[in-house]
């Protein structure tokens, strides 16, 4: 699943990054968005942009187009 499809309040684990420009991949990696990292989708704006997540103890807002590049699986 793509991070942009996850409902608020759901815990997920990052599986991998989909095809994305190198600049975007570098930016996400610098923010701690790495394979295997757990995160919580906290909020989503009414139109789905931005998406607020909690990862490594801090909050991060991602644009929908960025969240679409992050493939995740739900943590039970």
C-alpha atoms as a PDB file:
ATOM      1  CA  UNK A   1       0.000   0.000   0.000  1.00  0.00           C
ATOM      2  CA  UNK A   2       1.034   3.585  -0.455  1.00  0.00           C
ATOM      3  CA  UNK A   3       1.318   5.850   2.581  1.00  0.00           C
ATOM      4  CA  UNK A   4      -1.140   8.253   0.932  1.00  0.00           C
ATOM      5  CA  UNK A   5      -3.860   5.532   1.164  1.00  0.00           C
ATOM      6  CA  UNK A   6      -3.530   4.948   4.933  1.00  0.00           C
ATOM      7  CA  UNK A   7      -6.182   6.296   7.299  1.00  0.00           C
ATOM      8  CA  UNK A   8      -5.246   8.456  10.320  1.00  0.00           C
ATOM      9  CA  UNK A   9      -4.569   6.487  13.513  1.00  0.00           C
ATOM     10  CA  UNK A  10      -2.965   3.590  11.632  1.00  0.00           C
ATOM     11  CA  UNK A  11       0.524   2.286  12.442  1.00  0.00           C
ATOM     12  CA  UNK A  12       2.565   1.121   9.475  1.00  0.00           C
ATOM     13  CA  UNK A  13       6.083   0.008   8.628  1.00  0.00           C
ATOM     14  CA  UNK A  14       7.922   1.407   5.629  1.00  0.00           C
ATOM     15  CA  UNK A  15       8.587  -1.334   3.072  1.00  0.00           C
ATOM     16  CA  UNK A  16      10.411   0.652   0.395  1.00  0.00           C
ATOM     17  CA  UNK A  17      10.427   3.762  -1.744  1.00  0.00           C
ATOM     18  CA  UNK A  18       8.685   3.630  -5.107  1.00  0.00           C
ATOM     19  CA  UNK A  19      10.157   5.341  -8.158  1.00  0.00           C
ATOM     20  CA  UNK A  20      10.922   8.920  -7.172  1.00  0.00           C
ATOM     21  CA  UNK A  21      13.300  11.642  -8.317  1.00  0.00           C
ATOM     22  CA  UNK A  22      16.703  11.432  -6.554  1.00  0.00           C
ATOM     23  CA  UNK A  23      16.141  14.822  -4.899  1.00  0.00           C
ATOM     24  CA  UNK A  24      12.915  13.602  -3.279  1.00  0.00           C
ATOM     25  CA  UNK A  25      14.478  10.308  -2.166  1.00  0.00           C
ATOM     26  CA  UNK A  26      17.391  12.167  -0.563  1.00  0.00           C
ATOM     27  CA  UNK A  27      15.024  14.587   1.211  1.00  0.00           C
ATOM     28  CA  UNK A  28      12.908  11.744   2.626  1.00  0.00           C
ATOM     29  CA  UNK A  29      15.987   9.790   3.734  1.00  0.00           C
ATOM     30  CA  UNK A  30      17.343  12.904   5.467  1.00  0.00           C
ATOM     31  CA  UNK A  31      14.049  13.142   7.396  1.00  0.00           C
ATOM     32  CA  UNK A  32      14.369   9.546   8.645  1.00  0.00           C
ATOM     33  CA  UNK A  33      12.000   7.897   6.189  1.00  0.00           C
ATOM     34  CA  UNK A  34      13.871   4.589   5.872  1.00  0.00           C
ATOM     35  CA  UNK A  35      12.854   1.013   5.045  1.00  0.00           C
ATOM     36  CA  UNK A  36      11.786  -0.875   8.160  1.00  0.00           C
ATOM     37  CA  UNK A  37      10.904   2.252  10.160  1.00  0.00           C
ATOM     38  CA  UNK A  38       7.545   2.195  11.930  1.00  0.00           C
ATOM     39  CA  UNK A  39       5.389   5.304  11.765  1.00  0.00           C
ATOM     40  CA  UNK A  40       1.942   6.504  12.751  1.00  0.00           C
ATOM     41  CA  UNK A  41      -0.351   8.408  10.409  1.00  0.00           C
ATOM     42  CA  UNK A  42      -1.663  11.125  12.725  1.00  0.00           C
ATOM     43  CA  UNK A  43      -3.730  13.403  10.503  1.00  0.00           C
ATOM     44  CA  UNK A  44      -4.733  13.987   6.951  1.00  0.00           C
ATOM     45  CA  UNK A  45      -6.056  17.283   5.609  1.00  0.00           C
ATOM     46  CA  UNK A  46      -9.609  17.138   4.212  1.00  0.00           C
ATOM     47  CA  UNK A  47      -8.356  16.915   0.631  1.00  0.00           C
ATOM     48  CA  UNK A  48      -5.522  14.531   1.561  1.00  0.00           C
ATOM     49  CA  UNK A  49      -2.735  17.097   1.401  1.00  0.00           C
ATOM     50  CA  UNK A  50      -0.709  17.357   3.614  1.00  0.00           C
ATOM     51  CA  UNK A  51      -0.449  14.135   5.601  1.00  0.00           C
ATOM     52  CA  UNK A  52       0.984  14.387   9.121  1.00  0.00           C
ATOM     53  CA  UNK A  53       2.968  11.406  10.403  1.00  0.00           C
ATOM     54  CA  UNK A  54       4.931  10.625  13.551  1.00  0.00           C
ATOM     55  CA  UNK A  55       8.261   8.911  12.945  1.00  0.00           C
ATOM     56  CA  UNK A  56      11.229   8.470  15.284  1.00  0.00           C
ATOM     57  CA  UNK A  57       9.471  10.548  17.947  1.00  0.00           C
ATOM     58  CA  UNK A  58       8.832  13.647  15.845  1.00  0.00           C
ATOM     59  CA  UNK A  59       6.043  14.909  13.599  1.00  0.00           C
ATOM     60  CA  UNK A  60       6.499  15.350   9.896  1.00  0.00           C
ATOM     61  CA  UNK A  61       4.144  16.735   7.249  1.00  0.00           C
ATOM     62  CA  UNK A  62       4.339  15.219   3.794  1.00  0.00           C
ATOM     63  CA  UNK A  63       2.690  16.298   0.588  1.00  0.00           C
ATOM     64  CA  UNK A  64       0.381  13.739  -0.972  1.00  0.00           C
ATOM     65  CA  UNK A  65       2.776  13.329  -3.919  1.00  0.00           C
ATOM     66  CA  UNK A  66       5.591  12.473  -1.477  1.00  0.00           C
ATOM     67  CA  UNK A  67       3.424  10.023   0.495  1.00  0.00           C
ATOM     68  CA  UNK A  68       2.492   8.240  -2.740  1.00  0.00           C
ATOM     69  CA  UNK A  69       6.161   7.287  -3.188  1.00  0.00           C
ATOM     70  CA  UNK A  70       6.374   5.518   0.198  1.00  0.00           C
ATOM     71  CA  UNK A  71       5.216   1.884   0.198  1.00  0.00           C
ATOM     72  CA  UNK A  72       4.101   0.584   3.607  1.00  0.00           C
ATOM     73  CA  UNK A  73       2.460  -2.364   5.347  1.00  0.00           C
ATOM     74  CA  UNK A  74       0.071  -2.109   8.281  1.00  0.00           C
ATOM     75  CA  UNK A  75       1.417  -3.180  11.676  1.00  0.00           C
ATOM     76  CA  UNK A  76      -1.166  -5.276  13.559  1.00  0.00           C
END
